[in-house]
């Protein structure tokens, strides 16, 4: 009986540790994406449509700074905003070996007045 209690307690402890493991760990790409979203928060641009989209291509340099390669958008003001907010901004995400890796990200800005 005593052995059964010890086994049950051991199973309980092991299962509790397994379920309490941190499941909120994000991939480095997801962390980088979240940092970029924070940098682009509250755009100060005027848009006439319901939404404006942009495709962003960038890389990270050796100092862990974002280097914008291209921004393709319908509006020049959005392109300028993205370049101003992101180019050479340091990020905290630890990306393993990003030498010459090109990241692509889509951006959609919604008009709050519609």
PDB file of N, CA and C in Angstrom:
ATOM      1  N   UNK A   1       0.828  -1.199   0.000  1.00  0.00           N
ATOM      2  CA  UNK A   1       0.000   0.000   0.000  1.00  0.00           C
ATOM      3  C   UNK A   1       0.867   1.256   0.000  1.00  0.00           C
ATOM      4  N   UNK A   2       1.957   1.191   0.802  1.00  0.00           N
ATOM      5  CA  UNK A   2       2.845   2.342   0.875  1.00  0.00           C
ATOM      6  C   UNK A   2       3.527   2.576  -0.476  1.00  0.00           C
ATOM      7  N   UNK A   3       3.886   1.492  -1.157  1.00  0.00           N
ATOM      8  CA  UNK A   3       4.510   1.616  -2.475  1.00  0.00           C
ATOM      9  C   UNK A   3       3.549   2.238  -3.480  1.00  0.00           C
ATOM     10  N   UNK A   4       2.278   1.894  -3.382  1.00  0.00           N
ATOM     11  CA  UNK A   4       1.273   2.452  -4.275  1.00  0.00           C
ATOM     12  C   UNK A   4       1.156   3.955  -4.087  1.00  0.00           C
ATOM     13  N   UNK A   5       1.188   4.411  -2.837  1.00  0.00           N
ATOM     14  CA  UNK A   5       1.120   5.848  -2.559  1.00  0.00           C
ATOM     15  C   UNK A   5       2.332   6.574  -3.133  1.00  0.00           C
ATOM     16  N   UNK A   6       3.505   5.984  -2.981  1.00  0.00           N
ATOM     17  CA  UNK A   6       4.734   6.599  -3.498  1.00  0.00           C
ATOM     18  C   UNK A   6       4.676   6.693  -5.021  1.00  0.00           C
ATOM     19  N   UNK A   7       4.199   5.640  -5.658  1.00  0.00           N
ATOM     20  CA  UNK A   7       4.087   5.638  -7.119  1.00  0.00           C
ATOM     21  C   UNK A   7       3.079   6.687  -7.575  1.00  0.00           C
ATOM     22  N   UNK A   8       1.935   6.773  -6.900  1.00  0.00           N
ATOM     23  CA  UNK A   8       0.925   7.764  -7.272  1.00  0.00           C
ATOM     24  C   UNK A   8       1.440   9.187  -7.077  1.00  0.00           C
ATOM     25  N   UNK A   9       2.164   9.427  -6.002  1.00  0.00           N
ATOM     26  CA  UNK A   9       2.727  10.760  -5.771  1.00  0.00           C
ATOM     27  C   UNK A   9       3.760  11.081  -6.846  1.00  0.00           C
ATOM     28  N   UNK A  10       4.578  10.109  -7.210  1.00  0.00           N
ATOM     29  CA  UNK A  10       5.581  10.324  -8.257  1.00  0.00           C
ATOM     30  C   UNK A  10       4.911  10.638  -9.593  1.00  0.00           C
ATOM     31  N   UNK A  11       3.860   9.915  -9.924  1.00  0.00           N
ATOM     32  CA  UNK A  11       3.128  10.175 -11.170  1.00  0.00           C
ATOM     33  C   UNK A  11       2.496  11.562 -11.132  1.00  0.00           C
ATOM     34  N   UNK A  12       1.939  11.932  -9.994  1.00  0.00           N
ATOM     35  CA  UNK A  12       1.327  13.251  -9.850  1.00  0.00           C
ATOM     36  C   UNK A  12       2.358  14.358 -10.057  1.00  0.00           C
ATOM     37  N   UNK A  13       3.529  14.215  -9.438  1.00  0.00           N
ATOM     38  CA  UNK A  13       4.571  15.241  -9.544  1.00  0.00           C
ATOM     39  C   UNK A  13       5.060  15.354 -10.985  1.00  0.00           C
ATOM     40  N   UNK A  14       5.295  14.232 -11.633  1.00  0.00           N
ATOM     41  CA  UNK A  14       5.781  14.247 -13.015  1.00  0.00           C
ATOM     42  C   UNK A  14       4.736  14.846 -13.944  1.00  0.00           C
ATOM     43  N   UNK A  15       3.486  14.460 -13.786  1.00  0.00           N
ATOM     44  CA  UNK A  15       2.441  15.001 -14.659  1.00  0.00           C
ATOM     45  C   UNK A  15       2.221  16.485 -14.396  1.00  0.00           C
ATOM     46  N   UNK A  16       2.330  16.916 -13.156  1.00  0.00           N
ATOM     47  CA  UNK A  16       2.169  18.332 -12.842  1.00  0.00           C
ATOM     48  C   UNK A  16       3.271  19.153 -13.492  1.00  0.00           C
ATOM     49  N   UNK A  17       4.497  18.652 -13.467  1.00  0.00           N
ATOM     50  CA  UNK A  17       5.605  19.361 -14.100  1.00  0.00           C
ATOM     51  C   UNK A  17       5.428  19.414 -15.607  1.00  0.00           C
ATOM     52  N   UNK A  18       4.914  18.359 -16.192  1.00  0.00           N
ATOM     53  CA  UNK A  18       4.714  18.336 -17.637  1.00  0.00           C
ATOM     54  C   UNK A  18       3.657  19.344 -18.057  1.00  0.00           C
ATOM     55  N   UNK A  19       2.587  19.468 -17.273  1.00  0.00           N
ATOM     56  CA  UNK A  19       1.522  20.396 -17.624  1.00  0.00           C
ATOM     57  C   UNK A  19       1.858  21.834 -17.271  1.00  0.00           C
ATOM     58  N   UNK A  20       2.782  22.027 -16.355  1.00  0.00           N
ATOM     59  CA  UNK A  20       3.135  23.393 -15.980  1.00  0.00           C
ATOM     60  C   UNK A  20       4.276  23.947 -16.820  1.00  0.00           C
ATOM     61  N   UNK A  21       4.774  23.192 -17.779  1.00  0.00           N
ATOM     62  CA  UNK A  21       5.854  23.676 -18.637  1.00  0.00           C
ATOM     63  C   UNK A  21       5.376  24.892 -19.421  1.00  0.00           C
ATOM     64  N   UNK A  22       6.282  25.789 -19.692  1.00  0.00           N
ATOM     65  CA  UNK A  22       5.956  27.038 -20.380  1.00  0.00           C
ATOM     66  C   UNK A  22       5.643  26.759 -21.842  1.00  0.00           C
ATOM     67  N   UNK A  23       4.383  26.894 -22.205  1.00  0.00           N
ATOM     68  CA  UNK A  23       3.960  26.672 -23.576  1.00  0.00           C
ATOM     69  C   UNK A  23       3.882  27.973 -24.361  1.00  0.00           C
ATOM     70  N   UNK A  24       4.218  29.073 -23.726  1.00  0.00           N
ATOM     71  CA  UNK A  24       4.130  30.363 -24.396  1.00  0.00           C
ATOM     72  C   UNK A  24       5.430  30.742 -25.095  1.00  0.00           C
ATOM     73  N   UNK A  25       6.395  29.834 -25.136  1.00  0.00           N
ATOM     74  CA  UNK A  25       7.629  30.158 -25.834  1.00  0.00           C
ATOM     75  C   UNK A  25       7.335  30.273 -27.320  1.00  0.00           C
ATOM     76  N   UNK A  26       7.813  31.362 -27.889  1.00  0.00           N
ATOM     77  CA  UNK A  26       7.539  31.645 -29.290  1.00  0.00           C
ATOM     78  C   UNK A  26       8.805  31.453 -30.094  1.00  0.00           C
ATOM     79  N   UNK A  27       8.621  31.179 -31.360  1.00  0.00           N
ATOM     80  CA  UNK A  27       9.774  31.050 -32.237  1.00  0.00           C
ATOM     81  C   UNK A  27      10.442  32.415 -32.391  1.00  0.00           C
ATOM     82  N   UNK A  28      11.715  32.452 -32.734  1.00  0.00           N
ATOM     83  CA  UNK A  28      12.388  33.742 -32.934  1.00  0.00           C
ATOM     84  C   UNK A  28      11.717  34.596 -34.010  1.00  0.00           C
ATOM     85  N   UNK A  29      11.188  33.942 -35.056  1.00  0.00           N
ATOM     86  CA  UNK A  29      10.493  34.688 -36.103  1.00  0.00           C
ATOM     87  C   UNK A  29       9.233  35.353 -35.560  1.00  0.00           C
ATOM     88  N   UNK A  30       8.506  34.640 -34.704  1.00  0.00           N
ATOM     89  CA  UNK A  30       7.293  35.200 -34.108  1.00  0.00           C
ATOM     90  C   UNK A  30       7.635  36.357 -33.174  1.00  0.00           C
ATOM     91  N   UNK A  31       8.721  36.226 -32.417  1.00  0.00           N
ATOM     92  CA  UNK A  31       9.149  37.317 -31.546  1.00  0.00           C
ATOM     93  C   UNK A  31       9.539  38.543 -32.363  1.00  0.00           C
ATOM     94  N   UNK A  32      10.244  38.323 -33.474  1.00  0.00           N
ATOM     95  CA  UNK A  32      10.630  39.426 -34.355  1.00  0.00           C
ATOM     96  C   UNK A  32       9.392  40.094 -34.937  1.00  0.00           C
ATOM     97  N   UNK A  33       8.438  39.300 -35.369  1.00  0.00           N
ATOM     98  CA  UNK A  33       7.189  39.847 -35.915  1.00  0.00           C
ATOM     99  C   UNK A  33       6.476  40.709 -34.879  1.00  0.00           C
ATOM    100  N   UNK A  34       6.412  40.244 -33.641  1.00  0.00           N
ATOM    101  CA  UNK A  34       5.751  41.011 -32.582  1.00  0.00           C
ATOM    102  C   UNK A  34       6.475  42.325 -32.305  1.00  0.00           C
ATOM    103  N   UNK A  35       7.804  42.312 -32.361  1.00  0.00           N
ATOM    104  CA  UNK A  35       8.552  43.552 -32.162  1.00  0.00           C
ATOM    105  C   UNK A  35       8.274  44.554 -33.282  1.00  0.00           C
ATOM    106  N   UNK A  36       8.187  44.050 -34.511  1.00  0.00           N
ATOM    107  CA  UNK A  36       7.893  44.930 -35.644  1.00  0.00           C
ATOM    108  C   UNK A  36       6.495  45.507 -35.517  1.00  0.00           C
ATOM    109  N   UNK A  37       5.546  44.702 -35.097  1.00  0.00           N
ATOM    110  CA  UNK A  37       4.181  45.200 -34.898  1.00  0.00           C
ATOM    111  C   UNK A  37       4.178  46.318 -33.862  1.00  0.00           C
ATOM    112  N   UNK A  38       4.939  46.146 -32.785  1.00  0.00           N
ATOM    113  CA  UNK A  38       5.018  47.198 -31.764  1.00  0.00           C
ATOM    114  C   UNK A  38       5.664  48.465 -32.307  1.00  0.00           C
ATOM    115  N   UNK A  39       6.678  48.322 -33.155  1.00  0.00           N
ATOM    116  CA  UNK A  39       7.331  49.497 -33.735  1.00  0.00           C
ATOM    117  C   UNK A  39       6.403  50.246 -34.695  1.00  0.00           C
ATOM    118  N   UNK A  40       5.528  49.508 -35.360  1.00  0.00           N
ATOM    119  CA  UNK A  40       4.616  50.119 -36.334  1.00  0.00           C
ATOM    120  C   UNK A  40       3.277  50.514 -35.727  1.00  0.00           C
ATOM    121  N   UNK A  41       3.142  50.419 -34.428  1.00  0.00           N
ATOM    122  CA  UNK A  41       1.877  50.726 -33.766  1.00  0.00           C
ATOM    123  C   UNK A  41       1.501  52.191 -33.948  1.00  0.00           C
ATOM    124  N   UNK A  42       0.219  52.461 -34.064  1.00  0.00           N
ATOM    125  CA  UNK A  42      -0.342  53.813 -34.218  1.00  0.00           C
ATOM    126  C   UNK A  42       0.247  54.589 -35.389  1.00  0.00           C
ATOM    127  N   UNK A  43      -0.029  54.150 -36.608  1.00  0.00           N
ATOM    128  CA  UNK A  43       0.506  54.875 -37.762  1.00  0.00           C
ATOM    129  C   UNK A  43      -0.095  56.273 -37.870  1.00  0.00           C
ATOM    130  N   UNK A  44       0.752  57.217 -38.153  1.00  0.00           N
ATOM    131  CA  UNK A  44       0.340  58.617 -38.264  1.00  0.00           C
ATOM    132  C   UNK A  44       0.264  59.003 -39.739  1.00  0.00           C
ATOM    133  N   UNK A  45      -0.577  58.283 -40.478  1.00  0.00           N
ATOM    134  CA  UNK A  45      -0.728  58.559 -41.905  1.00  0.00           C
ATOM    135  C   UNK A  45      -2.207  58.673 -42.235  1.00  0.00           C
ATOM    136  N   UNK A  46      -2.489  59.390 -43.283  1.00  0.00           N
ATOM    137  CA  UNK A  46      -3.862  59.547 -43.761  1.00  0.00           C
ATOM    138  C   UNK A  46      -4.078  58.594 -44.926  1.00  0.00           C
ATOM    139  N   UNK A  47      -5.135  57.793 -44.821  1.00  0.00           N
ATOM    140  CA  UNK A  47      -5.487  56.904 -45.918  1.00  0.00           C
ATOM    141  C   UNK A  47      -6.933  57.158 -46.298  1.00  0.00           C
ATOM    142  N   UNK A  48      -7.194  57.076 -47.589  1.00  0.00           N
ATOM    143  CA  UNK A  48      -8.543  57.364 -48.070  1.00  0.00           C
ATOM    144  C   UNK A  48      -9.377  56.093 -48.226  1.00  0.00           C
ATOM    145  N   UNK A  49      -8.729  54.964 -48.388  1.00  0.00           N
ATOM    146  CA  UNK A  49      -9.443  53.695 -48.547  1.00  0.00           C
ATOM    147  C   UNK A  49      -9.758  53.092 -47.182  1.00  0.00           C
ATOM    148  N   UNK A  50     -10.509  51.994 -47.200  1.00  0.00           N
ATOM    149  CA  UNK A  50     -10.787  51.269 -45.962  1.00  0.00           C
ATOM    150  C   UNK A  50      -9.521  50.657 -45.384  1.00  0.00           C
ATOM    151  N   UNK A  51      -8.649  50.208 -46.275  1.00  0.00           N
ATOM    152  CA  UNK A  51      -7.401  49.596 -45.842  1.00  0.00           C
ATOM    153  C   UNK A  51      -6.327  49.807 -46.893  1.00  0.00           C
ATOM    154  N   UNK A  52      -5.089  49.791 -46.441  1.00  0.00           N
ATOM    155  CA  UNK A  52      -3.942  49.901 -47.333  1.00  0.00           C
ATOM    156  C   UNK A  52      -2.991  48.773 -46.971  1.00  0.00           C
ATOM    157  N   UNK A  53      -2.460  48.113 -47.988  1.00  0.00           N
ATOM    158  CA  UNK A  53      -1.572  46.981 -47.757  1.00  0.00           C
ATOM    159  C   UNK A  53      -0.163  47.316 -48.228  1.00  0.00           C
ATOM    160  N   UNK A  54       0.796  46.649 -47.613  1.00  0.00           N
ATOM    161  CA  UNK A  54       2.193  46.793 -48.010  1.00  0.00           C
ATOM    162  C   UNK A  54       2.900  45.459 -47.812  1.00  0.00           C
ATOM    163  N   UNK A  55       3.848  45.193 -48.675  1.00  0.00           N
ATOM    164  CA  UNK A  55       4.717  44.030 -48.535  1.00  0.00           C
ATOM    165  C   UNK A  55       6.111  44.542 -48.213  1.00  0.00           C
ATOM    166  N   UNK A  56       6.676  44.036 -47.140  1.00  0.00           N
ATOM    167  CA  UNK A  56       7.958  44.519 -46.643  1.00  0.00           C
ATOM    168  C   UNK A  56       8.980  43.393 -46.754  1.00  0.00           C
ATOM    169  N   UNK A  57      10.146  43.720 -47.292  1.00  0.00           N
ATOM    170  CA  UNK A  57      11.275  42.799 -47.301  1.00  0.00           C
ATOM    171  C   UNK A  57      12.400  43.447 -46.523  1.00  0.00           C
ATOM    172  N   UNK A  58      12.981  42.685 -45.595  1.00  0.00           N
ATOM    173  CA  UNK A  58      14.050  43.241 -44.771  1.00  0.00           C
ATOM    174  C   UNK A  58      15.008  42.143 -44.350  1.00  0.00           C
ATOM    175  N   UNK A  59      16.114  42.557 -43.803  1.00  0.00           N
ATOM    176  CA  UNK A  59      17.093  41.638 -43.248  1.00  0.00           C
ATOM    177  C   UNK A  59      17.587  42.210 -41.931  1.00  0.00           C
ATOM    178  N   UNK A  60      18.347  41.442 -41.201  1.00  0.00           N
ATOM    179  CA  UNK A  60      18.951  41.910 -39.955  1.00  0.00           C
ATOM    180  C   UNK A  60      20.461  41.971 -40.146  1.00  0.00           C
ATOM    181  N   UNK A  61      21.066  43.076 -39.714  1.00  0.00           N
ATOM    182  CA  UNK A  61      22.518  43.186 -39.824  1.00  0.00           C
ATOM    183  C   UNK A  61      23.195  42.587 -38.594  1.00  0.00           C
ATOM    184  N   UNK A  62      24.508  42.699 -38.528  1.00  0.00           N
ATOM    185  CA  UNK A  62      25.264  42.080 -37.432  1.00  0.00           C
ATOM    186  C   UNK A  62      24.982  42.726 -36.082  1.00  0.00           C
ATOM    187  N   UNK A  63      24.433  43.943 -36.084  1.00  0.00           N
ATOM    188  CA  UNK A  63      24.095  44.639 -34.840  1.00  0.00           C
ATOM    189  C   UNK A  63      22.658  44.364 -34.406  1.00  0.00           C
ATOM    190  N   UNK A  64      22.011  43.426 -35.085  1.00  0.00           N
ATOM    191  CA  UNK A  64      20.619  43.064 -34.804  1.00  0.00           C
ATOM    192  C   UNK A  64      19.666  44.224 -35.087  1.00  0.00           C
ATOM    193  N   UNK A  65      19.958  44.966 -36.151  1.00  0.00           N
ATOM    194  CA  UNK A  65      19.112  46.075 -36.587  1.00  0.00           C
ATOM    195  C   UNK A  65      18.374  45.661 -37.852  1.00  0.00           C
ATOM    196  N   UNK A  66      17.159  46.154 -37.991  1.00  0.00           N
ATOM    197  CA  UNK A  66      16.360  45.894 -39.186  1.00  0.00           C
ATOM    198  C   UNK A  66      16.896  46.762 -40.314  1.00  0.00           C
ATOM    199  N   UNK A  67      17.132  46.145 -41.465  1.00  0.00           N
ATOM    200  CA  UNK A  67      17.541  46.888 -42.656  1.00  0.00           C
ATOM    201  C   UNK A  67      16.466  46.652 -43.713  1.00  0.00           C
ATOM    202  N   UNK A  68      15.723  47.706 -44.031  1.00  0.00           N
ATOM    203  CA  UNK A  68      14.636  47.600 -45.006  1.00  0.00           C
ATOM    204  C   UNK A  68      15.226  47.475 -46.403  1.00  0.00           C
ATOM    205  N   UNK A  69      14.792  46.460 -47.144  1.00  0.00           N
ATOM    206  CA  UNK A  69      15.228  46.284 -48.522  1.00  0.00           C
ATOM    207  C   UNK A  69      14.210  46.881 -49.483  1.00  0.00           C
ATOM    208  N   UNK A  70      12.948  46.497 -49.332  1.00  0.00           N
ATOM    209  CA  UNK A  70      11.890  47.063 -50.172  1.00  0.00           C
ATOM    210  C   UNK A  70      10.601  47.169 -49.380  1.00  0.00           C
ATOM    211  N   UNK A  71       9.806  48.156 -49.765  1.00  0.00           N
ATOM    212  CA  UNK A  71       8.443  48.298 -49.265  1.00  0.00           C
ATOM    213  C   UNK A  71       7.580  48.565 -50.487  1.00  0.00           C
ATOM    214  N   UNK A  72       6.686  47.650 -50.787  1.00  0.00           N
ATOM    215  CA  UNK A  72       5.773  47.808 -51.919  1.00  0.00           C
ATOM    216  C   UNK A  72       4.379  48.088 -51.388  1.00  0.00           C
ATOM    217  N   UNK A  73       3.871  49.266 -51.743  1.00  0.00           N
ATOM    218  CA  UNK A  73       2.553  49.663 -51.274  1.00  0.00           C
ATOM    219  C   UNK A  73       1.880  50.521 -52.330  1.00  0.00           C
ATOM    220  N   UNK A  74       0.552  50.650 -52.176  1.00  0.00           N
ATOM    221  CA  UNK A  74      -0.220  51.501 -53.076  1.00  0.00           C
ATOM    222  C   UNK A  74       0.035  52.977 -52.792  1.00  0.00           C
ATOM    223  N   UNK A  75       0.370  53.286 -51.563  1.00  0.00           N
ATOM    224  CA  UNK A  75       0.556  54.684 -51.182  1.00  0.00           C
ATOM    225  C   UNK A  75       1.992  54.938 -50.731  1.00  0.00           C
ATOM    226  N   UNK A  76       2.533  56.038 -51.205  1.00  0.00           N
ATOM    227  CA  UNK A  76       3.906  56.400 -50.862  1.00  0.00           C
ATOM    228  C   UNK A  76       4.031  56.770 -49.389  1.00  0.00           C
ATOM    229  N   UNK A  77       2.965  57.329 -48.824  1.00  0.00           N
ATOM    230  CA  UNK A  77       3.032  57.715 -47.408  1.00  0.00           C
ATOM    231  C   UNK A  77       3.214  56.496 -46.501  1.00  0.00           C
ATOM    232  N   UNK A  78       2.597  55.368 -46.845  1.00  0.00           N
ATOM    233  CA  UNK A  78       2.779  54.147 -46.062  1.00  0.00           C
ATOM    234  C   UNK A  78       4.202  53.615 -46.220  1.00  0.00           C
ATOM    235  N   UNK A  79       4.731  53.666 -47.432  1.00  0.00           N
ATOM    236  CA  UNK A  79       6.115  53.236 -47.658  1.00  0.00           C
ATOM    237  C   UNK A  79       7.078  54.060 -46.817  1.00  0.00           C
ATOM    238  N   UNK A  80       6.900  55.372 -46.837  1.00  0.00           N
ATOM    239  CA  UNK A  80       7.777  56.254 -46.065  1.00  0.00           C
ATOM    240  C   UNK A  80       7.634  56.016 -44.565  1.00  0.00           C
ATOM    241  N   UNK A  81       6.411  55.788 -44.113  1.00  0.00           N
ATOM    242  CA  UNK A  81       6.161  55.516 -42.695  1.00  0.00           C
ATOM    243  C   UNK A  81       6.890  54.253 -42.243  1.00  0.00           C
ATOM    244  N   UNK A  82       6.777  53.191 -43.028  1.00  0.00           N
ATOM    245  CA  UNK A  82       7.419  51.922 -42.676  1.00  0.00           C
ATOM    246  C   UNK A  82       8.935  52.088 -42.642  1.00  0.00           C
ATOM    247  N   UNK A  83       9.479  52.753 -43.640  1.00  0.00           N
ATOM    248  CA  UNK A  83      10.932  52.963 -43.678  1.00  0.00           C
ATOM    249  C   UNK A  83      11.394  53.801 -42.494  1.00  0.00           C
ATOM    250  N   UNK A  84      10.652  54.833 -42.172  1.00  0.00           N
ATOM    251  CA  UNK A  84      11.024  55.711 -41.060  1.00  0.00           C
ATOM    252  C   UNK A  84      10.973  54.970 -39.724  1.00  0.00           C
ATOM    253  N   UNK A  85       9.935  54.156 -39.538  1.00  0.00           N
ATOM    254  CA  UNK A  85       9.741  53.480 -38.255  1.00  0.00           C
ATOM    255  C   UNK A  85      10.643  52.258 -38.059  1.00  0.00           C
ATOM    256  N   UNK A  86      11.052  51.608 -39.151  1.00  0.00           N
ATOM    257  CA  UNK A  86      11.757  50.337 -39.010  1.00  0.00           C
ATOM    258  C   UNK A  86      13.239  50.366 -39.372  1.00  0.00           C
ATOM    259  N   UNK A  87      13.624  51.180 -40.334  1.00  0.00           N
ATOM    260  CA  UNK A  87      14.985  51.095 -40.853  1.00  0.00           C
ATOM    261  C   UNK A  87      16.022  51.408 -39.776  1.00  0.00           C
ATOM    262  N   UNK A  88      16.919  50.478 -39.577  1.00  0.00           N
ATOM    263  CA  UNK A  88      18.017  50.546 -38.603  1.00  0.00           C
ATOM    264  C   UNK A  88      17.541  50.649 -37.158  1.00  0.00           C
ATOM    265  N   UNK A  89      16.378  50.104 -36.873  1.00  0.00           N
ATOM    266  CA  UNK A  89      15.908  50.002 -35.491  1.00  0.00           C
ATOM    267  C   UNK A  89      16.402  48.675 -34.916  1.00  0.00           C
ATOM    268  N   UNK A  90      16.948  48.732 -33.732  1.00  0.00           N
ATOM    269  CA  UNK A  90      17.482  47.541 -33.068  1.00  0.00           C
ATOM    270  C   UNK A  90      16.333  46.717 -32.489  1.00  0.00           C
ATOM    271  N   UNK A  91      16.433  45.408 -32.655  1.00  0.00           N
ATOM    272  CA  UNK A  91      15.430  44.494 -32.115  1.00  0.00           C
ATOM    273  C   UNK A  91      16.088  43.574 -31.094  1.00  0.00           C
ATOM    274  N   UNK A  92      15.291  43.073 -30.180  1.00  0.00           N
ATOM    275  CA  UNK A  92      15.799  42.212 -29.113  1.00  0.00           C
ATOM    276  C   UNK A  92      15.710  40.730 -29.443  1.00  0.00           C
ATOM    277  N   UNK A  93      15.001  40.395 -30.506  1.00  0.00           N
ATOM    278  CA  UNK A  93      14.841  38.990 -30.875  1.00  0.00           C
ATOM    279  C   UNK A  93      16.186  38.398 -31.252  1.00  0.00           C
ATOM    280  N   UNK A  94      16.450  37.239 -30.730  1.00  0.00           N
ATOM    281  CA  UNK A  94      17.700  36.542 -31.034  1.00  0.00           C
ATOM    282  C   UNK A  94      17.451  35.574 -32.181  1.00  0.00           C
ATOM    283  N   UNK A  95      17.873  35.980 -33.356  1.00  0.00           N
ATOM    284  CA  UNK A  95      17.697  35.154 -34.539  1.00  0.00           C
ATOM    285  C   UNK A  95      18.987  34.383 -34.798  1.00  0.00           C
ATOM    286  N   UNK A  96      18.910  33.075 -34.887  1.00  0.00           N
ATOM    287  CA  UNK A  96      20.130  32.304 -35.147  1.00  0.00           C
ATOM    288  C   UNK A  96      20.586  32.465 -36.597  1.00  0.00           C
ATOM    289  N   UNK A  97      21.791  32.925 -36.788  1.00  0.00           N
ATOM    290  CA  UNK A  97      22.433  33.037 -38.100  1.00  0.00           C
ATOM    291  C   UNK A  97      21.517  33.628 -39.162  1.00  0.00           C
ATOM    292  N   UNK A  98      21.340  34.925 -39.127  1.00  0.00           N
ATOM    293  CA  UNK A  98      20.484  35.591 -40.109  1.00  0.00           C
ATOM    294  C   UNK A  98      21.281  36.179 -41.258  1.00  0.00           C
ATOM    295  N   UNK A  99      22.537  35.778 -41.404  1.00  0.00           N
ATOM    296  CA  UNK A  99      23.369  36.319 -42.477  1.00  0.00           C
ATOM    297  C   UNK A  99      22.683  36.133 -43.821  1.00  0.00           C
ATOM    298  N   UNK A 100      22.414  37.231 -44.462  1.00  0.00           N
ATOM    299  CA  UNK A 100      21.810  37.293 -45.795  1.00  0.00           C
ATOM    300  C   UNK A 100      20.422  36.661 -45.874  1.00  0.00           C
ATOM    301  N   UNK A 101      19.781  36.393 -44.766  1.00  0.00           N
ATOM    302  CA  UNK A 101      18.407  35.886 -44.798  1.00  0.00           C
ATOM    303  C   UNK A 101      17.467  37.062 -45.006  1.00  0.00           C
ATOM    304  N   UNK A 102      16.568  36.920 -45.960  1.00  0.00           N
ATOM    305  CA  UNK A 102      15.594  37.968 -46.263  1.00  0.00           C
ATOM    306  C   UNK A 102      14.255  37.559 -45.670  1.00  0.00           C
ATOM    307  N   UNK A 103      13.722  38.437 -44.854  1.00  0.00           N
ATOM    308  CA  UNK A 103      12.419  38.219 -44.241  1.00  0.00           C
ATOM    309  C   UNK A 103      11.367  38.968 -45.051  1.00  0.00           C
ATOM    310  N   UNK A 104      10.196  38.381 -45.158  1.00  0.00           N
ATOM    311  CA  UNK A 104       9.077  39.013 -45.859  1.00  0.00           C
ATOM    312  C   UNK A 104       7.894  39.090 -44.902  1.00  0.00           C
ATOM    313  N   UNK A 105       7.235  40.247 -44.943  1.00  0.00           N
ATOM    314  CA  UNK A 105       6.107  40.460 -44.036  1.00  0.00           C
ATOM    315  C   UNK A 105       5.052  41.277 -44.758  1.00  0.00           C
ATOM    316  N   UNK A 106       3.805  40.903 -44.588  1.00  0.00           N
ATOM    317  CA  UNK A 106       2.692  41.678 -45.130  1.00  0.00           C
ATOM    318  C   UNK A 106       2.142  42.575 -44.036  1.00  0.00           C
ATOM    319  N   UNK A 107       1.745  43.757 -44.447  1.00  0.00           N
ATOM    320  CA  UNK A 107       1.214  44.734 -43.503  1.00  0.00           C
ATOM    321  C   UNK A 107      -0.111  45.240 -44.044  1.00  0.00           C
ATOM    322  N   UNK A 108      -1.099  45.352 -43.167  1.00  0.00           N
ATOM    323  CA  UNK A 108      -2.396  45.909 -43.547  1.00  0.00           C
ATOM    324  C   UNK A 108      -2.754  46.982 -42.533  1.00  0.00           C
ATOM    325  N   UNK A 109      -2.992  48.201 -43.032  1.00  0.00           N
ATOM    326  CA  UNK A 109      -3.382  49.316 -42.176  1.00  0.00           C
ATOM    327  C   UNK A 109      -4.846  49.612 -42.451  1.00  0.00           C
ATOM    328  N   UNK A 110      -5.657  49.560 -41.402  1.00  0.00           N
ATOM    329  CA  UNK A 110      -7.088  49.819 -41.535  1.00  0.00           C
ATOM    330  C   UNK A 110      -7.391  51.269 -41.210  1.00  0.00           C
ATOM    331  N   UNK A 111      -8.342  51.836 -41.926  1.00  0.00           N
ATOM    332  CA  UNK A 111      -8.772  53.207 -41.684  1.00  0.00           C
ATOM    333  C   UNK A 111      -9.719  53.213 -40.479  1.00  0.00           C
ATOM    334  N   UNK A 112      -9.363  53.881 -39.386  1.00  0.00           N
ATOM    335  CA  UNK A 112     -10.218  53.859 -38.195  1.00  0.00           C
ATOM    336  C   UNK A 112     -11.495  54.678 -38.351  1.00  0.00           C
ATOM    337  N   UNK A 113     -11.549  55.534 -39.357  1.00  0.00           N
ATOM    338  CA  UNK A 113     -12.711  56.407 -39.546  1.00  0.00           C
ATOM    339  C   UNK A 113     -13.823  55.750 -40.339  1.00  0.00           C
ATOM    340  N   UNK A 114     -13.607  54.545 -40.820  1.00  0.00           N
ATOM    341  CA  UNK A 114     -14.629  53.890 -41.639  1.00  0.00           C
ATOM    342  C   UNK A 114     -15.409  52.913 -40.809  1.00  0.00           C
TER     343      UNK A 114
END
